[in-house]
Amino acid sequence: MTGSIHPGVLMDFQFPVFFNALNSDLFFVPVLLVIAITLIAQTAGVILGFPMALARISKNPLVHWPVDLYLFIFRGTPLLLQILFISDGTAEFFNNPPLLYPITRNPVVAGTLALALNEAAYMTEIIRSGLQAIDPGQYDAARALGMTPWQLTRKIVIPQTLRVSLPPTVNEYINMSKNTSLLTVIAVTEILATAERQYQANFRVFEILSVAAIWYLLITTILTQLQARIERRFGERQDIAAQPGFATRMLVGFRRPRPHEEPPEDIGGH
């Protein structure tokens, strides 16, 4: 083949190239990798975010100040910068010790770790809002019933925090699936990196990127449907639970008499 390619050829969408790339098994492993990184990084962020949310609402400065600094750094700097810091900067800062080889020499591990640490900062605030949404009267009622701190956390705090925090948490899974595309800068062979390698070989940029977009849309659509189901499931009783003092009355077993009912008479006759 001689001569240069006419620019008009590159501007025409070639459906055979598009469908061949869409049916190709080259994207199968990258899609599975994106799903795995999304699940691991986001779940790790949730696990790390819960104790930091508890520390965030602590009145002890020695407890909440380190968390405040963590949030200041990870929420105030770009995620791409954090990925490069952990992947490349860690080796230089610690003089590349063998102990850190799983991070410094494995871009998948380094990228997953960076995504998890970044997400932990956002999950801290999501979980904190869920903790602070609990009616303070429930804590007094629980102590009046003789509940231990662990019983209070397990039976009251965690269930109600999950009800408030779960829908936005699923939304963070959706965002995480898209943030994995940033890992292409550290040579993680995910969906976007696979697309880049293909269009660098055949120069069909628009067609190949369209295939990558379809795979991302498929993943986010599945997660969006899951989010809708969770919101319907956990949103069924939100109107009732949002009534002032509802949870406290349920906790102590108090029921107000209906308008047609008379208050119960004292058994002792007083």
C-alpha atoms as a PDB file:
ATOM      1  CA  MET A   1       0.000   0.000   0.000  1.00  0.00           C
ATOM      2  CA  THR A   2       1.475   3.324  -1.062  1.00  0.00           C
ATOM      3  CA  GLY A   3       0.569   6.881  -0.307  1.00  0.00           C
ATOM      4  CA  SER A   4      -1.180   8.302   2.715  1.00  0.00           C
ATOM      5  CA  ILE A   5      -4.675   7.491   3.923  1.00  0.00           C
ATOM      6  CA  HIS A   6      -7.254  10.029   2.827  1.00  0.00           C
ATOM      7  CA  PRO A   7      -8.761  11.854   5.841  1.00  0.00           C
ATOM      8  CA  GLY A   8     -12.266  11.204   4.560  1.00  0.00           C
ATOM      9  CA  VAL A   9     -11.790   7.458   4.958  1.00  0.00           C
ATOM     10  CA  LEU A  10     -11.071   7.849   8.672  1.00  0.00           C
ATOM     11  CA  MET A  11     -14.191   9.977   9.133  1.00  0.00           C
ATOM     12  CA  ASP A  12     -16.550   7.284   7.772  1.00  0.00           C
ATOM     13  CA  PHE A  13     -17.917   4.958  10.412  1.00  0.00           C
ATOM     14  CA  GLN A  14     -17.095   1.403   9.366  1.00  0.00           C
ATOM     15  CA  PHE A  15     -19.683  -0.960  10.789  1.00  0.00           C
ATOM     16  CA  PRO A  16     -17.725  -4.149   9.968  1.00  0.00           C
ATOM     17  CA  VAL A  17     -14.834  -2.908  12.113  1.00  0.00           C
ATOM     18  CA  PHE A  18     -17.255  -1.964  14.875  1.00  0.00           C
ATOM     19  CA  PHE A  19     -19.062  -5.324  14.951  1.00  0.00           C
ATOM     20  CA  ASN A  20     -15.839  -7.295  14.656  1.00  0.00           C
ATOM     21  CA  ALA A  21     -14.457  -5.473  17.685  1.00  0.00           C
ATOM     22  CA  LEU A  22     -17.726  -5.859  19.570  1.00  0.00           C
ATOM     23  CA  ASN A  23     -17.794  -9.614  18.948  1.00  0.00           C
ATOM     24  CA  SER A  24     -14.099  -9.993  19.643  1.00  0.00           C
ATOM     25  CA  ASP A  25     -12.994 -11.850  22.767  1.00  0.00           C
ATOM     26  CA  LEU A  26     -10.251  -9.251  23.310  1.00  0.00           C
ATOM     27  CA  PHE A  27     -12.565  -7.294  25.623  1.00  0.00           C
ATOM     28  CA  PHE A  28     -13.730 -10.298  27.654  1.00  0.00           C
ATOM     29  CA  VAL A  29     -10.850 -10.402  30.139  1.00  0.00           C
ATOM     30  CA  PRO A  30     -10.633  -6.572  30.476  1.00  0.00           C
ATOM     31  CA  VAL A  31     -14.365  -6.423  31.280  1.00  0.00           C
ATOM     32  CA  LEU A  32     -13.956  -9.065  33.979  1.00  0.00           C
ATOM     33  CA  LEU A  33     -10.939  -7.153  35.305  1.00  0.00           C
ATOM     34  CA  VAL A  34     -12.953  -3.918  35.523  1.00  0.00           C
ATOM     35  CA  ILE A  35     -15.733  -5.712  37.402  1.00  0.00           C
ATOM     36  CA  ALA A  36     -13.256  -7.322  39.802  1.00  0.00           C
ATOM     37  CA  ILE A  37     -11.403  -4.071  40.511  1.00  0.00           C
ATOM     38  CA  THR A  38     -14.722  -2.264  40.997  1.00  0.00           C
ATOM     39  CA  LEU A  39     -15.998  -4.785  43.533  1.00  0.00           C
ATOM     40  CA  ILE A  40     -12.726  -5.078  45.450  1.00  0.00           C
ATOM     41  CA  ALA A  41     -11.829  -1.377  45.548  1.00  0.00           C
ATOM     42  CA  GLN A  42     -15.324  -0.166  46.399  1.00  0.00           C
ATOM     43  CA  THR A  43     -15.917  -2.826  49.053  1.00  0.00           C
ATOM     44  CA  ALA A  44     -12.559  -2.009  50.620  1.00  0.00           C
ATOM     45  CA  GLY A  45     -13.542   1.655  50.607  1.00  0.00           C
ATOM     46  CA  VAL A  46     -16.762   0.832  52.461  1.00  0.00           C
ATOM     47  CA  ILE A  47     -14.922  -1.260  55.050  1.00  0.00           C
ATOM     48  CA  LEU A  48     -12.329   1.463  55.634  1.00  0.00           C
ATOM     49  CA  GLY A  49     -14.967   4.201  55.633  1.00  0.00           C
ATOM     50  CA  PHE A  50     -17.022   2.835  58.532  1.00  0.00           C
ATOM     51  CA  PRO A  51     -14.409   3.150  61.310  1.00  0.00           C
ATOM     52  CA  MET A  52     -13.261   6.479  59.894  1.00  0.00           C
ATOM     53  CA  ALA A  53     -16.861   7.730  59.960  1.00  0.00           C
ATOM     54  CA  LEU A  54     -17.056   6.785  63.646  1.00  0.00           C
ATOM     55  CA  ALA A  55     -13.802   8.644  64.247  1.00  0.00           C
ATOM     56  CA  ARG A  56     -15.061  11.598  62.214  1.00  0.00           C
ATOM     57  CA  ILE A  57     -17.951  12.222  64.609  1.00  0.00           C
ATOM     58  CA  SER A  58     -15.822  11.698  67.700  1.00  0.00           C
ATOM     59  CA  LYS A  59     -15.407  14.676  70.016  1.00  0.00           C
ATOM     60  CA  ASN A  60     -11.828  13.671  70.769  1.00  0.00           C
ATOM     61  CA  PRO A  61      -9.466  15.786  68.598  1.00  0.00           C
ATOM     62  CA  LEU A  62      -6.813  13.067  68.662  1.00  0.00           C
ATOM     63  CA  VAL A  63      -9.328  10.725  67.038  1.00  0.00           C
ATOM     64  CA  HIS A  64     -10.986  12.906  64.398  1.00  0.00           C
ATOM     65  CA  TRP A  65      -8.045  15.136  63.406  1.00  0.00           C
ATOM     66  CA  PRO A  66      -6.120  12.333  61.601  1.00  0.00           C
ATOM     67  CA  VAL A  67      -9.301  11.433  59.729  1.00  0.00           C
ATOM     68  CA  ASP A  68      -9.872  15.081  58.836  1.00  0.00           C
ATOM     69  CA  LEU A  69      -6.344  15.218  57.413  1.00  0.00           C
ATOM     70  CA  TYR A  70      -6.947  12.029  55.442  1.00  0.00           C
ATOM     71  CA  LEU A  71     -10.139  13.451  53.937  1.00  0.00           C
ATOM     72  CA  PHE A  72      -8.401  16.754  53.197  1.00  0.00           C
ATOM     73  CA  ILE A  73      -5.723  14.984  51.171  1.00  0.00           C
ATOM     74  CA  PHE A  74      -7.744  12.333  49.338  1.00  0.00           C
ATOM     75  CA  ARG A  75     -10.750  14.521  48.582  1.00  0.00           C
ATOM     76  CA  GLY A  76      -8.651  17.565  47.714  1.00  0.00           C
ATOM     77  CA  THR A  77      -6.292  16.018  45.148  1.00  0.00           C
ATOM     78  CA  PRO A  78      -7.138  14.418  41.771  1.00  0.00           C
ATOM     79  CA  LEU A  79      -7.621  10.667  41.713  1.00  0.00           C
ATOM     80  CA  LEU A  80      -5.219  10.354  38.781  1.00  0.00           C
ATOM     81  CA  LEU A  81      -2.511  12.024  40.856  1.00  0.00           C
ATOM     82  CA  GLN A  82      -3.129   9.596  43.720  1.00  0.00           C
ATOM     83  CA  ILE A  83      -2.852   6.624  41.353  1.00  0.00           C
ATOM     84  CA  LEU A  84       0.522   7.859  40.095  1.00  0.00           C
ATOM     85  CA  PHE A  85       1.717   8.596  43.630  1.00  0.00           C
ATOM     86  CA  ILE A  86       0.947   5.086  44.864  1.00  0.00           C
ATOM     87  CA  SER A  87       2.081   3.269  41.732  1.00  0.00           C
ATOM     88  CA  ASP A  88       5.274   5.205  40.957  1.00  0.00           C
ATOM     89  CA  GLY A  89       5.952   7.477  43.904  1.00  0.00           C
ATOM     90  CA  THR A  90       5.816   4.747  46.558  1.00  0.00           C
ATOM     91  CA  ALA A  91       8.816   2.931  45.113  1.00  0.00           C
ATOM     92  CA  GLU A  92      10.925   6.095  45.064  1.00  0.00           C
ATOM     93  CA  PHE A  93       9.846   7.298  48.499  1.00  0.00           C
ATOM     94  CA  PHE A  94      10.623   3.987  50.234  1.00  0.00           C
ATOM     95  CA  ASN A  95      13.644   3.192  48.023  1.00  0.00           C
ATOM     96  CA  ASN A  96      11.771   0.287  46.382  1.00  0.00           C
ATOM     97  CA  PRO A  97      11.967  -2.310  49.196  1.00  0.00           C
ATOM     98  CA  PRO A  98      11.086  -5.947  48.343  1.00  0.00           C
ATOM     99  CA  LEU A  99       8.228  -5.792  50.839  1.00  0.00           C
ATOM    100  CA  LEU A 100       6.381  -3.359  48.551  1.00  0.00           C
ATOM    101  CA  TYR A 101       6.965  -5.308  45.328  1.00  0.00           C
ATOM    102  CA  PRO A 102       3.279  -6.416  45.190  1.00  0.00           C
ATOM    103  CA  ILE A 103       2.378  -2.718  44.911  1.00  0.00           C
ATOM    104  CA  THR A 104       5.320  -1.176  43.085  1.00  0.00           C
ATOM    105  CA  ARG A 105       5.618  -3.951  40.477  1.00  0.00           C
ATOM    106  CA  ASN A 106       1.980  -4.892  40.013  1.00  0.00           C
ATOM    107  CA  PRO A 107      -0.087  -2.112  38.452  1.00  0.00           C
ATOM    108  CA  VAL A 108      -3.384  -3.912  39.142  1.00  0.00           C
ATOM    109  CA  VAL A 109      -2.671  -4.074  42.877  1.00  0.00           C
ATOM    110  CA  ALA A 110      -1.375  -0.491  42.962  1.00  0.00           C
ATOM    111  CA  GLY A 111      -4.371   0.810  41.025  1.00  0.00           C
ATOM    112  CA  THR A 112      -6.886  -1.096  43.148  1.00  0.00           C
ATOM    113  CA  LEU A 113      -5.231   0.194  46.319  1.00  0.00           C
ATOM    114  CA  ALA A 114      -5.320   3.783  45.066  1.00  0.00           C
ATOM    115  CA  LEU A 115      -8.991   3.518  44.143  1.00  0.00           C
ATOM    116  CA  ALA A 116      -9.836   1.973  47.518  1.00  0.00           C
ATOM    117  CA  LEU A 117      -8.015   4.646  49.526  1.00  0.00           C
ATOM    118  CA  ASN A 118      -9.664   7.400  47.511  1.00  0.00           C
ATOM    119  CA  GLU A 119     -13.108   5.855  47.860  1.00  0.00           C
ATOM    120  CA  ALA A 120     -12.668   5.413  51.607  1.00  0.00           C
ATOM    121  CA  ALA A 121     -12.595   9.193  51.954  1.00  0.00           C
ATOM    122  CA  TYR A 122     -15.947   9.569  50.206  1.00  0.00           C
ATOM    123  CA  MET A 123     -17.525   6.599  51.975  1.00  0.00           C
ATOM    124  CA  THR A 124     -16.503   8.148  55.293  1.00  0.00           C
ATOM    125  CA  GLU A 125     -18.744  11.119  54.598  1.00  0.00           C
ATOM    126  CA  ILE A 126     -21.603   8.967  53.282  1.00  0.00           C
ATOM    127  CA  ILE A 127     -21.554   6.716  56.337  1.00  0.00           C
ATOM    128  CA  ARG A 128     -21.126   9.705  58.655  1.00  0.00           C
ATOM    129  CA  SER A 129     -24.316  11.230  57.271  1.00  0.00           C
ATOM    130  CA  GLY A 130     -26.075   7.927  57.896  1.00  0.00           C
ATOM    131  CA  LEU A 131     -24.851   7.801  61.481  1.00  0.00           C
ATOM    132  CA  GLN A 132     -25.922  11.358  62.190  1.00  0.00           C
ATOM    133  CA  ALA A 133     -29.371  10.712  60.694  1.00  0.00           C
ATOM    134  CA  ILE A 134     -30.252   8.405  63.604  1.00  0.00           C
ATOM    135  CA  ASP A 135     -32.614   9.949  66.141  1.00  0.00           C
ATOM    136  CA  PRO A 136     -30.512  10.764  69.249  1.00  0.00           C
ATOM    137  CA  GLY A 137     -33.408   9.633  71.410  1.00  0.00           C
ATOM    138  CA  GLN A 138     -32.768   6.064  70.337  1.00  0.00           C
ATOM    139  CA  TYR A 139     -29.456   6.030  72.155  1.00  0.00           C
ATOM    140  CA  ASP A 140     -31.148   7.124  75.387  1.00  0.00           C
ATOM    141  CA  ALA A 141     -33.870   4.522  74.915  1.00  0.00           C
ATOM    142  CA  ALA A 142     -31.297   1.790  74.269  1.00  0.00           C
ATOM    143  CA  ARG A 143     -29.370   2.684  77.407  1.00  0.00           C
ATOM    144  CA  ALA A 144     -32.651   2.717  79.349  1.00  0.00           C
ATOM    145  CA  LEU A 145     -33.269  -0.844  78.138  1.00  0.00           C
ATOM    146  CA  GLY A 146     -29.814  -1.874  79.368  1.00  0.00           C
ATOM    147  CA  MET A 147     -28.252  -2.465  75.953  1.00  0.00           C
ATOM    148  CA  THR A 148     -24.500  -2.803  75.788  1.00  0.00           C
ATOM    149  CA  PRO A 149     -22.556  -0.613  73.303  1.00  0.00           C
ATOM    150  CA  TRP A 150     -22.114  -3.615  71.009  1.00  0.00           C
ATOM    151  CA  GLN A 151     -25.852  -4.399  71.091  1.00  0.00           C
ATOM    152  CA  LEU A 152     -26.612  -0.746  70.392  1.00  0.00           C
ATOM    153  CA  THR A 153     -24.257  -0.762  67.404  1.00  0.00           C
ATOM    154  CA  ARG A 154     -25.434  -4.100  66.001  1.00  0.00           C
ATOM    155  CA  LYS A 155     -29.193  -3.727  66.480  1.00  0.00           C
ATOM    156  CA  ILE A 156     -29.735   0.012  66.057  1.00  0.00           C
ATOM    157  CA  VAL A 157     -26.798   1.860  64.519  1.00  0.00           C
ATOM    158  CA  ILE A 158     -25.749  -0.502  61.721  1.00  0.00           C
ATOM    159  CA  PRO A 159     -29.241  -1.359  60.362  1.00  0.00           C
ATOM    160  CA  GLN A 160     -30.389   2.259  60.213  1.00  0.00           C
ATOM    161  CA  THR A 161     -27.072   3.486  58.834  1.00  0.00           C
ATOM    162  CA  LEU A 162     -27.322   0.895  56.065  1.00  0.00           C
ATOM    163  CA  ARG A 163     -30.827   2.061  55.210  1.00  0.00           C
ATOM    164  CA  VAL A 164     -29.603   5.625  54.689  1.00  0.00           C
ATOM    165  CA  SER A 165     -26.166   4.876  53.213  1.00  0.00           C
ATOM    166  CA  LEU A 166     -26.845   1.896  50.958  1.00  0.00           C
ATOM    167  CA  PRO A 167     -28.391   3.700  47.927  1.00  0.00           C
ATOM    168  CA  PRO A 168     -25.544   6.259  47.618  1.00  0.00           C
ATOM    169  CA  THR A 169     -23.060   3.440  48.228  1.00  0.00           C
ATOM    170  CA  VAL A 170     -24.370   1.549  45.196  1.00  0.00           C
ATOM    171  CA  ASN A 171     -24.032   4.788  43.248  1.00  0.00           C
ATOM    172  CA  GLU A 172     -20.368   4.841  44.265  1.00  0.00           C
ATOM    173  CA  TYR A 173     -19.990   1.357  42.741  1.00  0.00           C
ATOM    174  CA  ILE A 174     -21.217   2.853  39.465  1.00  0.00           C
ATOM    175  CA  ASN A 175     -18.692   5.684  39.693  1.00  0.00           C
ATOM    176  CA  MET A 176     -15.946   3.230  40.591  1.00  0.00           C
ATOM    177  CA  SER A 177     -16.572   1.170  37.453  1.00  0.00           C
ATOM    178  CA  LYS A 178     -15.877   4.298  35.397  1.00  0.00           C
ATOM    179  CA  ASN A 179     -12.905   5.408  37.492  1.00  0.00           C
ATOM    180  CA  THR A 180     -11.112   2.173  36.585  1.00  0.00           C
ATOM    181  CA  SER A 181     -10.460   3.744  33.172  1.00  0.00           C
ATOM    182  CA  LEU A 182      -7.860   5.974  34.847  1.00  0.00           C
ATOM    183  CA  LEU A 183      -5.705   2.909  35.485  1.00  0.00           C
ATOM    184  CA  THR A 184      -4.711   2.899  31.832  1.00  0.00           C
ATOM    185  CA  VAL A 185      -1.990   5.435  32.768  1.00  0.00           C
ATOM    186  CA  ILE A 186      -0.186   2.762  34.832  1.00  0.00           C
ATOM    187  CA  ALA A 187      -0.525   0.068  32.134  1.00  0.00           C
ATOM    188  CA  VAL A 188      -3.479  -1.822  33.585  1.00  0.00           C
ATOM    189  CA  THR A 189      -5.075  -3.702  30.685  1.00  0.00           C
ATOM    190  CA  GLU A 190      -8.675  -2.681  31.340  1.00  0.00           C
ATOM    191  CA  ILE A 191     -11.335  -1.742  28.786  1.00  0.00           C
ATOM    192  CA  LEU A 192      -9.965   1.628  27.705  1.00  0.00           C
ATOM    193  CA  ALA A 193      -6.375   0.395  27.466  1.00  0.00           C
ATOM    194  CA  THR A 194      -7.536  -2.517  25.287  1.00  0.00           C
ATOM    195  CA  ALA A 195      -9.420  -0.092  23.050  1.00  0.00           C
ATOM    196  CA  GLU A 196      -6.363   2.138  22.713  1.00  0.00           C
ATOM    197  CA  ARG A 197      -4.207  -0.787  21.608  1.00  0.00           C
ATOM    198  CA  GLN A 198      -6.753  -1.787  18.991  1.00  0.00           C
ATOM    199  CA  TYR A 199      -7.234   1.606  17.376  1.00  0.00           C
ATOM    200  CA  GLN A 200      -3.483   2.206  17.400  1.00  0.00           C
ATOM    201  CA  ALA A 201      -3.231  -0.886  15.205  1.00  0.00           C
ATOM    202  CA  ASN A 202      -6.082  -0.224  12.767  1.00  0.00           C
ATOM    203  CA  PHE A 203      -6.521   3.581  13.139  1.00  0.00           C
ATOM    204  CA  ARG A 204     -10.307   3.159  13.600  1.00  0.00           C
ATOM    205  CA  VAL A 205     -10.576   5.337  16.696  1.00  0.00           C
ATOM    206  CA  PHE A 206     -14.297   6.142  16.657  1.00  0.00           C
ATOM    207  CA  GLU A 207     -15.424   2.555  16.051  1.00  0.00           C
ATOM    208  CA  ILE A 208     -13.189   1.045  18.758  1.00  0.00           C
ATOM    209  CA  LEU A 209     -13.994   3.698  21.345  1.00  0.00           C
ATOM    210  CA  SER A 210     -17.682   3.104  20.611  1.00  0.00           C
ATOM    211  CA  VAL A 211     -17.200  -0.548  21.516  1.00  0.00           C
ATOM    212  CA  ALA A 212     -15.472   0.441  24.765  1.00  0.00           C
ATOM    213  CA  ALA A 213     -18.340   2.820  25.538  1.00  0.00           C
ATOM    214  CA  ILE A 214     -20.871   0.019  25.051  1.00  0.00           C
ATOM    215  CA  TRP A 215     -19.049  -2.209  27.536  1.00  0.00           C
ATOM    216  CA  TYR A 216     -18.938   0.580  30.125  1.00  0.00           C
ATOM    217  CA  LEU A 217     -22.620   1.305  29.528  1.00  0.00           C
ATOM    218  CA  LEU A 218     -23.448  -2.365  30.007  1.00  0.00           C
ATOM    219  CA  ILE A 219     -21.660  -2.476  33.362  1.00  0.00           C
ATOM    220  CA  THR A 220     -23.170   0.776  34.603  1.00  0.00           C
ATOM    221  CA  THR A 221     -26.650  -0.238  33.412  1.00  0.00           C
ATOM    222  CA  ILE A 222     -26.512  -3.442  35.435  1.00  0.00           C
ATOM    223  CA  LEU A 223     -25.364  -1.527  38.504  1.00  0.00           C
ATOM    224  CA  THR A 224     -28.032   1.127  37.943  1.00  0.00           C
ATOM    225  CA  GLN A 225     -30.750  -1.528  37.846  1.00  0.00           C
ATOM    226  CA  LEU A 226     -29.347  -2.987  41.042  1.00  0.00           C
ATOM    227  CA  GLN A 227     -29.419   0.460  42.632  1.00  0.00           C
ATOM    228  CA  ALA A 228     -33.059   0.952  41.622  1.00  0.00           C
ATOM    229  CA  ARG A 229     -34.017  -2.358  43.218  1.00  0.00           C
ATOM    230  CA  ILE A 230     -32.193  -1.466  46.431  1.00  0.00           C
ATOM    231  CA  GLU A 231     -33.828   1.944  46.607  1.00  0.00           C
ATOM    232  CA  ARG A 232     -37.279   0.397  46.128  1.00  0.00           C
ATOM    233  CA  ARG A 233     -36.555  -2.227  48.761  1.00  0.00           C
ATOM    234  CA  PHE A 234     -35.130   0.133  51.363  1.00  0.00           C
ATOM    235  CA  GLY A 235     -37.362   3.049  50.447  1.00  0.00           C
ATOM    236  CA  GLU A 236     -40.630   1.305  51.179  1.00  0.00           C
ATOM    237  CA  ARG A 237     -40.840   2.503  54.780  1.00  0.00           C
ATOM    238  CA  GLN A 238     -38.815   5.688  54.636  1.00  0.00           C
ATOM    239  CA  ASP A 239     -41.912   7.899  54.902  1.00  0.00           C
ATOM    240  CA  ILE A 240     -42.965   6.115  58.079  1.00  0.00           C
ATOM    241  CA  ALA A 241     -39.496   5.936  59.572  1.00  0.00           C
ATOM    242  CA  ALA A 242     -38.949   9.630  58.882  1.00  0.00           C
ATOM    243  CA  GLN A 243     -41.697  10.603  61.333  1.00  0.00           C
ATOM    244  CA  PRO A 244     -40.235  12.371  64.396  1.00  0.00           C
ATOM    245  CA  GLY A 245     -39.669   9.970  67.248  1.00  0.00           C
ATOM    246  CA  PHE A 246     -40.929   6.952  65.282  1.00  0.00           C
ATOM    247  CA  ALA A 247     -37.874   4.773  65.823  1.00  0.00           C
ATOM    248  CA  THR A 248     -37.697   5.679  69.499  1.00  0.00           C
ATOM    249  CA  ARG A 249     -41.323   4.735  70.062  1.00  0.00           C
ATOM    250  CA  MET A 250     -40.783   1.439  68.260  1.00  0.00           C
ATOM    251  CA  LEU A 251     -37.685   0.748  70.327  1.00  0.00           C
ATOM    252  CA  VAL A 252     -39.356   1.213  73.714  1.00  0.00           C
ATOM    253  CA  GLY A 253     -42.624  -0.386  72.597  1.00  0.00           C
ATOM    254  CA  PHE A 254     -44.695   2.768  73.065  1.00  0.00           C
ATOM    255  CA  ARG A 255     -47.924   3.168  71.133  1.00  0.00           C
ATOM    256  CA  ARG A 256     -50.050   6.262  71.277  1.00  0.00           C
ATOM    257  CA  PRO A 257     -53.769   5.576  71.846  1.00  0.00           C
ATOM    258  CA  ARG A 258     -56.031   6.075  68.885  1.00  0.00           C
ATOM    259  CA  PRO A 259     -58.602   8.896  69.017  1.00  0.00           C
ATOM    260  CA  HIS A 260     -61.453   6.492  69.817  1.00  0.00           C
ATOM    261  CA  GLU A 261     -59.483   4.694  72.533  1.00  0.00           C
ATOM    262  CA  GLU A 262     -59.317   5.594  76.185  1.00  0.00           C
ATOM    263  CA  PRO A 263     -55.966   5.556  77.973  1.00  0.00           C
ATOM    264  CA  PRO A 264     -55.530   2.275  79.897  1.00  0.00           C
ATOM    265  CA  GLU A 265     -56.517   2.461  83.545  1.00  0.00           C
ATOM    266  CA  ASP A 266     -53.887   1.903  86.168  1.00  0.00           C
ATOM    267  CA  ILE A 267     -54.149  -1.610  87.562  1.00  0.00           C
ATOM    268  CA  GLY A 268     -53.499  -0.296  91.053  1.00  0.00           C
ATOM    269  CA  GLY A 269     -56.509   2.044  90.849  1.00  0.00           C
ATOM    270  CA  HIS A 270     -54.436   5.225  91.342  1.00  0.00           C
END
